[in-house]
C-alpha cells in the first residue's frame, strides 16, 4: 500500500519531469521570458493534484549568455530557471524545488506535510 505522502512525492516528481522535458530547448530571450514563465506555470497547473507552480526565468543569466553572441536568443535549460511546484494529494501537500547545484539542475523534495 502506498501512503498519501509517497503518492504526493511521486506526483510532484511527475510534474517536474513534464515541466523540464517539455520546455527544455525552447528558444528564449530576456524579452520572451515572462510569457514563457506564465505558459510553463499554467501548463503544469493543469495536471492532477497540482495546486501551484512558480517559474522564475533568470533573465540576468540569459543576458550574460547572450552578451556578445550572434543571436538574440538561446535555448532554455535548467541553468536559466528556478522552479517551485506544490501538489496536494488527498490532504497531503508536497513541495519541490529545482535550482542549480554544482552546474546541474537539481530537483528536490523540500517538504511533505500531512
N, C-alpha and C. Protein backbone atom coordinates (compact mmCIF):
# COMPACT_ATOMS: atom_id res chain seq x y z
N UNK A 1 0.84 -1.18 0.00
CA UNK A 1 0.00 0.00 0.00
C UNK A 1 0.89 1.25 0.00
N UNK A 2 0.57 2.19 -0.83
CA UNK A 2 1.32 3.44 -0.94
C UNK A 2 0.66 4.49 -0.05
N UNK A 3 1.44 5.21 0.72
CA UNK A 3 0.89 6.25 1.59
C UNK A 3 0.57 7.51 0.79
N UNK A 4 -0.22 8.39 1.36
CA UNK A 4 -0.53 9.67 0.72
C UNK A 4 0.73 10.50 0.52
N UNK A 5 1.65 10.44 1.48
CA UNK A 5 2.90 11.18 1.35
C UNK A 5 3.74 10.66 0.20
N UNK A 6 3.80 9.34 0.04
CA UNK A 6 4.55 8.76 -1.07
C UNK A 6 3.90 9.13 -2.40
N UNK A 7 2.60 9.08 -2.47
CA UNK A 7 1.89 9.43 -3.69
C UNK A 7 2.07 10.91 -4.03
N UNK A 8 2.02 11.78 -3.03
CA UNK A 8 2.22 13.22 -3.26
C UNK A 8 3.64 13.48 -3.78
N UNK A 9 4.63 12.80 -3.20
CA UNK A 9 6.01 12.95 -3.66
C UNK A 9 6.16 12.45 -5.10
N UNK A 10 5.53 11.35 -5.42
CA UNK A 10 5.55 10.83 -6.79
C UNK A 10 4.92 11.84 -7.75
N UNK A 11 3.77 12.37 -7.38
CA UNK A 11 3.07 13.33 -8.24
C UNK A 11 3.89 14.58 -8.50
N UNK A 12 4.56 15.09 -7.49
CA UNK A 12 5.37 16.30 -7.69
C UNK A 12 6.56 15.97 -8.59
N UNK A 13 7.08 14.77 -8.51
CA UNK A 13 8.16 14.36 -9.42
C UNK A 13 7.69 14.29 -10.86
N UNK A 14 6.50 13.80 -11.08
CA UNK A 14 5.92 13.75 -12.43
C UNK A 14 5.78 15.15 -13.00
N UNK A 15 5.34 16.09 -12.17
CA UNK A 15 5.17 17.47 -12.63
C UNK A 15 6.50 18.05 -13.09
N UNK A 16 7.56 17.80 -12.31
CA UNK A 16 8.88 18.32 -12.68
C UNK A 16 9.41 17.67 -13.95
N UNK A 17 9.22 16.37 -14.09
CA UNK A 17 9.66 15.70 -15.31
C UNK A 17 8.97 16.27 -16.53
N UNK A 18 7.69 16.51 -16.41
CA UNK A 18 6.93 17.09 -17.51
C UNK A 18 7.42 18.50 -17.82
N UNK A 19 7.55 19.31 -16.80
CA UNK A 19 7.97 20.70 -16.99
C UNK A 19 9.33 20.77 -17.66
N UNK A 20 10.29 20.06 -17.12
CA UNK A 20 11.65 20.18 -17.64
C UNK A 20 11.76 19.62 -19.05
N UNK A 21 11.25 18.43 -19.27
CA UNK A 21 11.46 17.79 -20.56
C UNK A 21 10.53 18.31 -21.65
N UNK A 22 9.46 18.94 -21.28
CA UNK A 22 8.59 19.56 -22.27
C UNK A 22 9.17 20.89 -22.76
N UNK A 23 9.78 21.65 -21.87
CA UNK A 23 10.21 23.00 -22.21
C UNK A 23 11.71 23.16 -22.46
N UNK A 24 12.53 22.22 -22.04
CA UNK A 24 13.97 22.32 -22.31
C UNK A 24 14.19 22.39 -23.82
N UNK A 25 15.00 23.31 -24.23
CA UNK A 25 15.28 23.50 -25.65
C UNK A 25 14.43 24.57 -26.32
N UNK A 26 13.43 25.09 -25.60
CA UNK A 26 12.59 26.15 -26.15
C UNK A 26 13.44 27.40 -26.39
N UNK A 27 13.32 28.02 -27.56
CA UNK A 27 14.03 29.28 -27.78
C UNK A 27 13.54 30.33 -26.79
N UNK A 28 14.47 31.04 -26.15
CA UNK A 28 14.10 32.03 -25.14
C UNK A 28 15.05 33.22 -25.21
N UNK A 29 14.48 34.38 -24.94
CA UNK A 29 15.25 35.63 -24.84
C UNK A 29 14.78 36.35 -23.59
N UNK A 30 15.50 37.36 -23.15
CA UNK A 30 15.02 38.13 -22.00
C UNK A 30 13.63 38.71 -22.24
N UNK A 31 13.32 39.10 -23.46
CA UNK A 31 12.00 39.67 -23.75
C UNK A 31 10.88 38.63 -23.71
N UNK A 32 11.19 37.39 -24.09
CA UNK A 32 10.14 36.36 -24.09
C UNK A 32 10.04 35.59 -22.77
N UNK A 33 10.97 35.83 -21.86
CA UNK A 33 11.00 35.08 -20.60
C UNK A 33 9.70 35.18 -19.80
N UNK A 34 9.10 36.37 -19.62
CA UNK A 34 7.87 36.43 -18.82
C UNK A 34 6.72 35.60 -19.40
N UNK A 35 6.56 35.62 -20.71
CA UNK A 35 5.45 34.86 -21.30
C UNK A 35 5.72 33.36 -21.21
N UNK A 36 6.98 32.96 -21.32
CA UNK A 36 7.29 31.54 -21.18
C UNK A 36 7.11 31.08 -19.74
N UNK A 37 7.48 31.91 -18.77
CA UNK A 37 7.23 31.58 -17.36
C UNK A 37 5.74 31.29 -17.15
N UNK A 38 4.89 32.18 -17.64
CA UNK A 38 3.44 32.03 -17.48
C UNK A 38 2.95 30.77 -18.17
N UNK A 39 3.40 30.53 -19.39
CA UNK A 39 2.97 29.34 -20.13
C UNK A 39 3.35 28.06 -19.39
N UNK A 40 4.56 28.03 -18.85
CA UNK A 40 5.01 26.84 -18.13
C UNK A 40 4.18 26.63 -16.87
N UNK A 41 3.96 27.69 -16.13
CA UNK A 41 3.16 27.60 -14.89
C UNK A 41 1.76 27.08 -15.20
N UNK A 42 1.12 27.70 -16.17
CA UNK A 42 -0.27 27.33 -16.49
C UNK A 42 -0.36 25.91 -17.05
N UNK A 43 0.61 25.49 -17.84
CA UNK A 43 0.58 24.14 -18.40
C UNK A 43 0.70 23.09 -17.30
N UNK A 44 1.62 23.28 -16.38
CA UNK A 44 1.83 22.28 -15.33
C UNK A 44 0.69 22.30 -14.31
N UNK A 45 0.12 23.48 -14.04
CA UNK A 45 -1.00 23.56 -13.11
C UNK A 45 -2.24 22.82 -13.61
N UNK A 46 -2.30 22.51 -14.89
CA UNK A 46 -3.41 21.73 -15.44
C UNK A 46 -3.39 20.28 -14.97
N UNK A 47 -2.25 19.80 -14.54
CA UNK A 47 -2.12 18.39 -14.18
C UNK A 47 -2.81 18.09 -12.85
N UNK A 48 -3.27 16.85 -12.69
CA UNK A 48 -3.96 16.46 -11.46
C UNK A 48 -3.13 16.73 -10.21
N UNK A 49 -3.79 17.19 -9.17
CA UNK A 49 -3.24 17.42 -7.83
C UNK A 49 -2.30 18.61 -7.72
N UNK A 50 -1.96 19.25 -8.82
CA UNK A 50 -1.04 20.38 -8.79
C UNK A 50 -1.80 21.63 -8.34
N UNK A 51 -1.31 22.27 -7.28
CA UNK A 51 -2.01 23.46 -6.77
C UNK A 51 -1.26 24.75 -7.02
N UNK A 52 0.07 24.67 -7.26
CA UNK A 52 0.81 25.90 -7.50
C UNK A 52 2.12 25.57 -8.20
N UNK A 53 2.47 26.42 -9.16
CA UNK A 53 3.75 26.32 -9.86
C UNK A 53 4.29 27.73 -10.00
N UNK A 54 5.55 27.92 -9.64
CA UNK A 54 6.21 29.20 -9.82
C UNK A 54 7.49 28.96 -10.62
N UNK A 55 7.56 29.60 -11.79
CA UNK A 55 8.74 29.52 -12.65
C UNK A 55 9.39 30.89 -12.68
N UNK A 56 10.66 30.93 -12.35
CA UNK A 56 11.42 32.17 -12.40
C UNK A 56 12.55 31.99 -13.40
N UNK A 57 12.40 32.60 -14.57
CA UNK A 57 13.47 32.56 -15.56
C UNK A 57 14.50 33.61 -15.15
N UNK A 58 15.73 33.19 -15.05
CA UNK A 58 16.81 34.04 -14.57
C UNK A 58 17.32 34.91 -15.73
N UNK A 59 16.68 36.05 -15.89
CA UNK A 59 16.99 36.90 -17.05
C UNK A 59 18.43 37.42 -17.04
N UNK A 60 18.99 37.65 -15.87
CA UNK A 60 20.39 38.09 -15.82
C UNK A 60 21.31 37.02 -16.39
N UNK A 61 21.02 35.76 -16.11
CA UNK A 61 21.81 34.67 -16.67
C UNK A 61 21.61 34.57 -18.18
N UNK A 62 20.38 34.79 -18.63
CA UNK A 62 20.12 34.82 -20.08
C UNK A 62 20.91 35.93 -20.75
N UNK A 63 20.84 37.12 -20.17
CA UNK A 63 21.54 38.27 -20.75
C UNK A 63 23.05 38.01 -20.82
N UNK A 64 23.60 37.41 -19.78
CA UNK A 64 25.03 37.10 -19.77
C UNK A 64 25.37 36.08 -20.86
N UNK A 65 24.51 35.10 -21.04
CA UNK A 65 24.72 34.09 -22.07
C UNK A 65 24.71 34.71 -23.47
N UNK A 66 23.85 35.68 -23.68
CA UNK A 66 23.67 36.28 -25.00
C UNK A 66 24.66 37.41 -25.29
N UNK A 67 25.28 37.95 -24.26
CA UNK A 67 26.18 39.10 -24.44
C UNK A 67 27.29 38.78 -25.45
N UNK A 68 27.34 39.61 -26.47
CA UNK A 68 28.38 39.47 -27.47
C UNK A 68 28.19 38.33 -28.45
N UNK A 69 27.10 37.58 -28.31
CA UNK A 69 26.86 36.46 -29.22
C UNK A 69 26.15 36.89 -30.49
N UNK A 70 26.05 35.99 -31.43
CA UNK A 70 25.45 36.33 -32.72
C UNK A 70 23.92 36.33 -32.73
N UNK A 71 23.29 35.73 -31.73
CA UNK A 71 21.83 35.60 -31.73
C UNK A 71 21.22 36.37 -30.56
N UNK A 72 19.95 36.68 -30.69
CA UNK A 72 19.23 37.40 -29.63
C UNK A 72 18.45 36.44 -28.74
N UNK A 73 18.70 35.14 -28.89
CA UNK A 73 18.02 34.14 -28.06
C UNK A 73 18.96 32.96 -27.84
N UNK A 74 18.58 32.11 -26.90
CA UNK A 74 19.29 30.86 -26.65
C UNK A 74 18.24 29.81 -26.35
N UNK A 75 18.65 28.60 -26.01
CA UNK A 75 17.66 27.59 -25.66
C UNK A 75 17.55 27.49 -24.14
N UNK A 76 16.34 27.24 -23.70
CA UNK A 76 16.06 27.13 -22.28
C UNK A 76 16.68 25.85 -21.72
N UNK A 77 17.42 26.00 -20.64
CA UNK A 77 17.95 24.86 -19.88
C UNK A 77 17.74 25.16 -18.41
N UNK A 78 18.03 24.18 -17.58
CA UNK A 78 17.85 24.35 -16.15
C UNK A 78 18.66 25.47 -15.54
N UNK A 79 19.77 25.83 -16.16
CA UNK A 79 20.59 26.89 -15.57
C UNK A 79 19.95 28.26 -15.70
N UNK A 80 18.88 28.36 -16.47
CA UNK A 80 18.20 29.65 -16.65
C UNK A 80 16.89 29.74 -15.88
N UNK A 81 16.61 28.79 -14.99
CA UNK A 81 15.34 28.87 -14.26
C UNK A 81 15.40 28.25 -12.88
N UNK A 82 14.54 28.79 -12.03
CA UNK A 82 14.28 28.21 -10.71
C UNK A 82 12.78 27.95 -10.67
N UNK A 83 12.39 26.79 -10.14
CA UNK A 83 11.00 26.38 -10.19
C UNK A 83 10.59 25.82 -8.84
N UNK A 84 9.38 26.15 -8.42
CA UNK A 84 8.74 25.55 -7.25
C UNK A 84 7.42 24.93 -7.70
N UNK A 85 7.14 23.73 -7.22
CA UNK A 85 5.90 23.03 -7.55
C UNK A 85 5.27 22.54 -6.26
N UNK A 86 3.95 22.74 -6.14
CA UNK A 86 3.21 22.26 -4.97
C UNK A 86 2.10 21.34 -5.45
N UNK A 87 2.00 20.18 -4.79
CA UNK A 87 0.98 19.19 -5.09
C UNK A 87 0.20 18.92 -3.81
N UNK A 88 -1.11 18.75 -3.93
CA UNK A 88 -1.93 18.34 -2.80
C UNK A 88 -2.64 17.05 -3.20
N UNK A 89 -2.26 15.96 -2.55
CA UNK A 89 -2.85 14.66 -2.83
C UNK A 89 -3.57 14.19 -1.58
N UNK A 90 -4.89 14.17 -1.63
CA UNK A 90 -5.73 13.70 -0.52
C UNK A 90 -5.32 14.32 0.82
N UNK A 91 -5.08 15.64 0.82
CA UNK A 91 -4.75 16.35 2.04
C UNK A 91 -3.28 16.34 2.40
N UNK A 92 -2.45 15.69 1.62
CA UNK A 92 -1.01 15.70 1.84
C UNK A 92 -0.39 16.64 0.82
N UNK A 93 0.37 17.59 1.32
CA UNK A 93 0.97 18.63 0.48
C UNK A 93 2.46 18.32 0.31
N UNK A 94 2.90 18.28 -0.96
CA UNK A 94 4.32 18.07 -1.26
C UNK A 94 4.84 19.30 -2.00
N UNK A 95 6.00 19.77 -1.58
CA UNK A 95 6.63 20.94 -2.19
C UNK A 95 7.99 20.51 -2.71
N UNK A 96 8.25 20.85 -3.98
CA UNK A 96 9.54 20.52 -4.58
C UNK A 96 10.11 21.76 -5.25
N UNK A 97 11.41 21.76 -5.43
CA UNK A 97 12.10 22.93 -5.99
C UNK A 97 13.18 22.44 -6.95
N UNK A 98 13.40 23.23 -7.98
CA UNK A 98 14.52 22.98 -8.89
C UNK A 98 15.39 24.21 -8.91
N UNK A 99 16.68 24.00 -8.69
CA UNK A 99 17.67 25.06 -8.80
C UNK A 99 19.01 24.42 -9.10
N UNK A 100 19.93 25.20 -9.57
CA UNK A 100 21.23 24.67 -9.95
C UNK A 100 22.02 24.26 -8.71
N UNK A 101 22.71 23.12 -8.83
CA UNK A 101 23.57 22.61 -7.78
C UNK A 101 24.82 22.05 -8.46
N UNK A 102 25.94 22.76 -8.34
CA UNK A 102 27.19 22.36 -8.99
C UNK A 102 27.02 22.15 -10.50
N UNK A 103 26.29 23.06 -11.14
CA UNK A 103 26.13 23.01 -12.58
C UNK A 103 25.05 22.07 -13.08
N UNK A 104 24.28 21.49 -12.17
CA UNK A 104 23.23 20.54 -12.55
C UNK A 104 21.88 21.05 -12.05
N UNK A 105 20.82 20.99 -12.88
CA UNK A 105 19.50 21.43 -12.41
C UNK A 105 18.89 20.37 -11.49
N UNK A 106 19.12 20.53 -10.20
CA UNK A 106 18.68 19.55 -9.21
C UNK A 106 17.23 19.80 -8.81
N UNK A 107 16.42 18.77 -8.93
CA UNK A 107 15.03 18.82 -8.50
C UNK A 107 14.96 18.06 -7.19
N UNK A 108 14.48 18.73 -6.14
CA UNK A 108 14.45 18.07 -4.84
C UNK A 108 13.13 18.29 -4.12
N UNK A 109 12.77 17.29 -3.34
CA UNK A 109 11.59 17.37 -2.49
C UNK A 109 11.98 18.20 -1.28
N UNK A 110 11.26 19.32 -1.07
CA UNK A 110 11.60 20.24 0.01
C UNK A 110 10.86 19.86 1.29
N UNK A 111 9.56 19.54 1.15
CA UNK A 111 8.79 19.14 2.33
C UNK A 111 7.55 18.39 1.94
N UNK A 112 7.08 17.57 2.87
CA UNK A 112 5.81 16.87 2.73
C UNK A 112 5.06 17.09 4.02
N UNK A 113 3.85 17.63 3.90
CA UNK A 113 3.02 17.92 5.08
C UNK A 113 1.75 17.09 4.99
N UNK A 114 1.44 16.39 6.08
CA UNK A 114 0.20 15.61 6.10
C UNK A 114 -0.80 16.24 7.04
